[in-house]
Amino acid sequence: MNKVEQSAGLIQTYSGVHGYEVLSVSVSGDNARFVSAGGDKTVFLWDVATAMTLRRYSGHNGRVECAVFGGEGDAVVISGSFDSTIRLWDARSQSTKPLMVMQEAKDSVTSLVVTGAEILAGSVDGRLRTYDLRMGSCYIDVVGREYKTSWSATERRC
């Protein structure tokens, strides 16, 4: 029987910012930062080395179900919420206002995946939306058929 060695203990603690449960954590490609999102309607951008928050993004009207990195060099934080919106935040600037707000979902946004310039969003309304940021369009996948809507990025700025 092999003996499993115990680790030396806790490496780092990240605490004291979320007022409610943490619902999502996503790590940047270089492992230097991560985002956490939760029931307190906020998204935090963290520095791994210092265990300090770099930004606090607020603006959602419901708990934040998911948050991920996107863009070149993970320059954008994307969050999906119970309030049916997706918000894009600039992770490089000091601004805490969203770059863009997408409001096509009819119910809670529960999952996000970023591939290149596309954001795939799953929602409780039973739809999978693919936002093509280069083309300014949103494709909605429904069992048996596909819908396409267009929107202007300038119309979605806050």
Protein backbone atom coordinates (compact mmCIF):
# COMPACT_ATOMS: atom_id res chain seq x y z
CA MET A 1 0.00 0.00 0.00
CA ASN A 2 1.40 3.39 -1.03
CA LYS A 3 1.48 6.17 1.49
CA VAL A 4 0.23 9.56 0.30
CA GLU A 5 2.36 12.41 1.58
CA GLN A 6 0.60 15.42 3.00
CA SER A 7 1.34 18.86 1.65
CA ALA A 8 3.10 21.41 3.81
CA GLY A 9 -0.22 23.15 4.38
CA LEU A 10 -2.18 26.10 3.09
CA ILE A 11 -0.27 28.12 0.50
CA GLN A 12 -2.46 31.24 0.24
CA THR A 13 -5.76 32.57 1.52
CA TYR A 14 -8.03 34.85 -0.51
CA SER A 15 -10.73 36.22 1.72
CA GLY A 16 -12.71 39.13 3.00
CA VAL A 17 -14.29 40.56 -0.14
CA HIS A 18 -17.35 38.58 -1.20
CA GLY A 19 -20.34 39.17 1.03
CA TYR A 20 -22.09 35.98 -0.11
CA GLU A 21 -21.16 32.66 -1.68
CA VAL A 22 -18.56 32.46 -4.46
CA LEU A 23 -20.23 30.91 -7.53
CA SER A 24 -17.43 31.06 -10.11
CA VAL A 25 -13.64 31.21 -10.33
CA SER A 26 -11.60 31.48 -13.52
CA VAL A 27 -7.80 31.69 -13.82
CA SER A 28 -5.94 33.74 -16.45
CA GLY A 29 -3.78 31.97 -19.01
CA ASP A 30 -0.55 33.06 -17.32
CA ASN A 31 -1.80 32.00 -13.84
CA ALA A 32 -1.03 35.48 -12.48
CA ARG A 33 -4.65 36.56 -11.95
CA PHE A 34 -8.06 35.09 -11.36
CA VAL A 35 -11.62 36.35 -11.21
CA SER A 36 -14.24 35.37 -8.66
CA ALA A 37 -17.96 36.02 -8.92
CA GLY A 38 -20.74 35.51 -6.48
CA GLY A 39 -24.03 36.04 -4.78
CA ASP A 40 -23.12 39.58 -3.78
CA LYS A 41 -23.62 40.72 -7.43
CA THR A 42 -19.92 41.50 -7.86
CA VAL A 43 -16.88 40.25 -9.76
CA PHE A 44 -13.39 40.60 -8.31
CA LEU A 45 -10.12 40.54 -10.24
CA TRP A 46 -7.33 39.12 -8.05
CA ASP A 47 -3.55 39.11 -8.14
CA VAL A 48 -2.38 35.59 -7.28
CA ALA A 49 1.06 36.55 -5.91
CA THR A 50 -0.17 39.18 -3.44
CA ALA A 51 -3.65 37.74 -2.73
CA MET A 52 -5.00 41.27 -3.24
CA THR A 53 -7.93 42.40 -5.32
CA LEU A 54 -7.02 44.53 -8.32
CA ARG A 55 -10.58 45.54 -9.30
CA ARG A 56 -14.12 45.24 -8.05
CA TYR A 57 -16.70 45.17 -10.83
CA SER A 58 -20.29 45.90 -9.85
CA GLY A 59 -23.37 46.69 -11.88
CA HIS A 60 -25.25 43.41 -12.10
CA ASN A 61 -28.72 43.44 -10.51
CA GLY A 62 -28.58 39.78 -9.49
CA ARG A 63 -26.02 37.25 -8.34
CA VAL A 64 -23.17 36.67 -10.79
CA GLU A 65 -23.31 33.04 -11.90
CA CYS A 66 -20.13 32.90 -14.00
CA ALA A 67 -17.06 34.92 -14.95
CA VAL A 68 -14.27 34.16 -17.43
CA PHE A 69 -11.32 35.83 -19.13
CA GLY A 70 -11.31 36.70 -22.82
CA GLY A 71 -9.49 38.78 -25.38
CA GLU A 72 -5.83 38.94 -26.23
CA GLY A 73 -3.75 38.45 -23.11
CA ASP A 74 -6.92 37.94 -21.05
CA ALA A 75 -7.57 41.69 -21.26
CA VAL A 76 -11.33 41.35 -20.76
CA VAL A 77 -13.39 39.87 -17.93
CA ILE A 78 -16.82 38.59 -19.00
CA SER A 79 -19.56 37.95 -16.45
CA GLY A 80 -23.00 36.36 -16.69
CA SER A 81 -25.71 36.98 -14.14
CA PHE A 82 -29.06 35.99 -12.72
CA ASP A 83 -30.21 39.40 -14.03
CA SER A 84 -30.07 37.96 -17.59
CA THR A 85 -27.16 40.15 -18.70
CA ILE A 86 -23.60 39.56 -19.83
CA ARG A 87 -21.12 42.31 -19.03
CA LEU A 88 -17.64 42.83 -20.45
CA TRP A 89 -15.07 44.59 -18.24
CA ASP A 90 -11.63 45.96 -19.19
CA ALA A 91 -9.12 44.10 -16.99
CA ARG A 92 -6.26 46.43 -17.97
CA SER A 93 -7.80 49.83 -17.22
CA GLN A 94 -8.62 51.32 -13.84
CA SER A 95 -12.24 51.79 -14.93
CA THR A 96 -14.85 49.64 -13.24
CA LYS A 97 -17.60 50.49 -15.73
CA PRO A 98 -18.55 47.77 -18.21
CA LEU A 99 -17.31 48.05 -21.79
CA MET A 100 -20.47 46.39 -23.06
CA VAL A 101 -23.72 44.98 -21.71
CA MET A 102 -25.58 42.27 -23.63
CA GLN A 103 -29.25 41.84 -22.75
CA GLU A 104 -30.56 39.23 -25.18
CA ALA A 105 -31.12 36.45 -22.62
CA LYS A 106 -34.63 36.06 -21.22
CA ASP A 107 -33.48 34.37 -18.01
CA SER A 108 -30.37 33.83 -15.89
CA VAL A 109 -27.03 33.43 -17.74
CA THR A 110 -25.40 30.40 -16.14
CA SER A 111 -22.35 29.58 -18.27
CA LEU A 112 -19.82 31.32 -20.49
CA VAL A 113 -17.07 30.08 -22.81
CA VAL A 114 -14.78 32.31 -24.89
CA THR A 115 -13.20 31.13 -28.14
CA GLY A 116 -11.32 33.83 -30.00
CA ALA A 117 -13.75 36.68 -30.73
CA GLU A 118 -16.81 34.59 -29.85
CA ILE A 119 -18.61 34.35 -26.53
CA LEU A 120 -20.87 31.35 -25.99
CA ALA A 121 -23.48 31.89 -23.29
CA GLY A 122 -25.85 29.32 -21.79
CA SER A 123 -29.05 30.56 -20.22
CA VAL A 124 -31.91 29.17 -18.16
CA ASP A 125 -34.23 30.27 -20.99
CA GLY A 126 -33.03 27.15 -22.85
CA ARG A 127 -30.94 28.98 -25.42
CA LEU A 128 -27.26 28.91 -26.31
CA ARG A 129 -26.21 32.29 -27.66
CA THR A 130 -23.03 32.80 -29.66
CA TYR A 131 -21.91 36.41 -29.77
CA ASP A 132 -19.53 37.13 -32.64
CA LEU A 133 -17.85 40.35 -31.54
CA ARG A 134 -16.12 40.87 -34.90
CA MET A 135 -19.39 40.75 -36.82
CA GLY A 136 -21.59 42.35 -34.16
CA SER A 137 -24.09 39.52 -34.29
CA CYS A 138 -25.72 37.02 -31.98
CA TYR A 139 -26.73 33.53 -33.06
CA ILE A 140 -29.32 31.79 -30.91
CA ASP A 141 -29.37 28.01 -31.02
CA VAL A 142 -32.74 26.41 -30.38
CA VAL A 143 -33.60 22.75 -30.88
CA GLY A 144 -34.64 22.38 -34.53
CA ARG A 145 -33.85 25.89 -35.78
CA GLU A 146 -31.47 28.83 -35.55
CA TYR A 147 -32.16 32.53 -35.11
CA LYS A 148 -29.84 35.42 -35.91
CA THR A 149 -30.03 38.91 -34.47
CA SER A 150 -27.76 41.88 -35.05
CA TRP A 151 -26.71 44.54 -32.62
CA SER A 152 -24.28 47.42 -32.67
CA ALA A 153 -21.43 47.45 -30.19
CA THR A 154 -21.87 51.20 -29.74
CA GLU A 155 -25.47 50.69 -28.66
CA ARG A 156 -24.38 48.34 -25.88
CA ARG A 157 -21.80 50.69 -24.31
CA CYS A 158 -22.54 52.09 -20.85
